[in-house]
Amino acid sequence: MAISFIAAESTDGTSTAIPAHIAGDLLLFNSFRDGSNSTPTKPADITQLDTNTTNSAGSLSGYKVAASSSET
């Protein structure tokens, strides 16, 4: 089995749709909050990998393994 990039999605808001996927796909998550020294809120079903907070921004990275093709 090969590892390959399937799709990406981004938004300039508070949420975004997850691109088409199937059960077993690794879904990577990264959020960035500019103009605030606080970390973005982590969705409940995401495993947190890293957070970073500075004087002017905060970020959060994580992942989940898709249980189905209809993750939200």
C-alpha atoms as a PDB file:
ATOM      1  CA  MET A   1       0.000   0.000   0.000  1.00  0.00           C
ATOM      2  CA  ALA A   2       1.385   3.400  -0.972  1.00  0.00           C
ATOM      3  CA  ILE A   3       0.936   6.673   0.856  1.00  0.00           C
ATOM      4  CA  SER A   4      -0.449   9.410  -1.365  1.00  0.00           C
ATOM      5  CA  PHE A   5      -1.891  12.882  -1.034  1.00  0.00           C
ATOM      6  CA  ILE A   6      -5.610  12.955  -1.868  1.00  0.00           C
ATOM      7  CA  ALA A   7      -6.945  16.450  -1.197  1.00  0.00           C
ATOM      8  CA  ALA A   8      -6.827  19.560   0.975  1.00  0.00           C
ATOM      9  CA  GLU A   9      -9.328  22.156   2.114  1.00  0.00           C
ATOM     10  CA  SER A  10      -8.929  25.520   3.795  1.00  0.00           C
ATOM     11  CA  THR A  11     -11.063  28.430   4.867  1.00  0.00           C
ATOM     12  CA  ASP A  12     -10.757  31.872   6.343  1.00  0.00           C
ATOM     13  CA  GLY A  13     -13.362  31.175   9.008  1.00  0.00           C
ATOM     14  CA  THR A  14     -14.143  28.982  11.978  1.00  0.00           C
ATOM     15  CA  SER A  15     -14.846  25.677  10.192  1.00  0.00           C
ATOM     16  CA  THR A  16     -14.306  23.884   6.895  1.00  0.00           C
ATOM     17  CA  ALA A  17     -15.588  20.781   5.140  1.00  0.00           C
ATOM     18  CA  ILE A  18     -13.372  17.687   5.051  1.00  0.00           C
ATOM     19  CA  PRO A  19     -12.555  16.675   1.449  1.00  0.00           C
ATOM     20  CA  ALA A  20     -13.809  13.347   0.059  1.00  0.00           C
ATOM     21  CA  HIS A  21     -12.218  10.399   1.868  1.00  0.00           C
ATOM     22  CA  ILE A  22     -12.809   6.765   2.810  1.00  0.00           C
ATOM     23  CA  ALA A  23     -12.604   4.773   6.037  1.00  0.00           C
ATOM     24  CA  GLY A  24      -8.992   4.298   7.116  1.00  0.00           C
ATOM     25  CA  ASP A  25      -7.691   7.534   5.579  1.00  0.00           C
ATOM     26  CA  LEU A  26      -5.437   9.642   7.788  1.00  0.00           C
ATOM     27  CA  LEU A  27      -6.981  13.106   8.192  1.00  0.00           C
ATOM     28  CA  LEU A  28      -4.517  15.828   9.217  1.00  0.00           C
ATOM     29  CA  PHE A  29      -5.722  18.965  10.929  1.00  0.00           C
ATOM     30  CA  ASN A  30      -3.987  22.319  11.381  1.00  0.00           C
ATOM     31  CA  SER A  31      -5.535  25.544  12.597  1.00  0.00           C
ATOM     32  CA  PHE A  32      -4.074  28.997  13.048  1.00  0.00           C
ATOM     33  CA  ARG A  33      -5.475  31.971  14.944  1.00  0.00           C
ATOM     34  CA  ASP A  34      -3.872  35.283  14.009  1.00  0.00           C
ATOM     35  CA  GLY A  35      -4.076  38.349  16.207  1.00  0.00           C
ATOM     36  CA  SER A  36      -4.649  36.344  19.387  1.00  0.00           C
ATOM     37  CA  ASN A  37      -2.178  34.686  21.722  1.00  0.00           C
ATOM     38  CA  SER A  38      -4.517  31.774  22.372  1.00  0.00           C
ATOM     39  CA  THR A  39      -4.649  28.279  20.904  1.00  0.00           C
ATOM     40  CA  PRO A  40      -7.594  27.469  18.595  1.00  0.00           C
ATOM     41  CA  THR A  41     -10.250  25.107  19.971  1.00  0.00           C
ATOM     42  CA  LYS A  42      -9.538  21.430  19.242  1.00  0.00           C
ATOM     43  CA  PRO A  43     -12.424  19.361  17.855  1.00  0.00           C
ATOM     44  CA  ALA A  44     -13.311  16.549  20.279  1.00  0.00           C
ATOM     45  CA  ASP A  45     -12.408  13.687  17.928  1.00  0.00           C
ATOM     46  CA  ILE A  46      -8.962  15.002  16.862  1.00  0.00           C
ATOM     47  CA  THR A  47      -5.800  13.652  18.524  1.00  0.00           C
ATOM     48  CA  GLN A  48      -3.639  16.673  19.323  1.00  0.00           C
ATOM     49  CA  LEU A  49      -0.048  16.634  18.051  1.00  0.00           C
ATOM     50  CA  ASP A  50       1.233  20.134  18.809  1.00  0.00           C
ATOM     51  CA  THR A  51       0.256  23.610  19.943  1.00  0.00           C
ATOM     52  CA  ASN A  52       2.143  26.859  19.652  1.00  0.00           C
ATOM     53  CA  THR A  53       1.258  30.221  21.146  1.00  0.00           C
ATOM     54  CA  THR A  54       3.135  33.483  20.678  1.00  0.00           C
ATOM     55  CA  ASN A  55       2.303  37.092  21.479  1.00  0.00           C
ATOM     56  CA  SER A  56       0.272  37.487  18.299  1.00  0.00           C
ATOM     57  CA  ALA A  57      -0.922  34.043  17.167  1.00  0.00           C
ATOM     58  CA  GLY A  58      -1.802  30.503  18.180  1.00  0.00           C
ATOM     59  CA  SER A  59      -1.832  27.225  16.272  1.00  0.00           C
ATOM     60  CA  LEU A  60      -2.928  23.645  16.825  1.00  0.00           C
ATOM     61  CA  SER A  61      -2.135  20.483  14.830  1.00  0.00           C
ATOM     62  CA  GLY A  62      -3.715  17.055  15.066  1.00  0.00           C
ATOM     63  CA  TYR A  63      -5.044  14.009  13.243  1.00  0.00           C
ATOM     64  CA  LYS A  64      -7.688  11.323  13.148  1.00  0.00           C
ATOM     65  CA  VAL A  65      -8.195   8.114  11.211  1.00  0.00           C
ATOM     66  CA  ALA A  66     -11.465   8.227   9.286  1.00  0.00           C
ATOM     67  CA  ALA A  67     -13.964   5.642  10.515  1.00  0.00           C
ATOM     68  CA  SER A  68     -16.158   6.180   7.445  1.00  0.00           C
ATOM     69  CA  SER A  69     -16.435   8.252   4.271  1.00  0.00           C
ATOM     70  CA  SER A  70     -18.720  10.750   5.992  1.00  0.00           C
ATOM     71  CA  GLU A  71     -16.515  12.283   8.710  1.00  0.00           C
ATOM     72  CA  THR A  72     -17.340  15.900   9.497  1.00  0.00           C
END
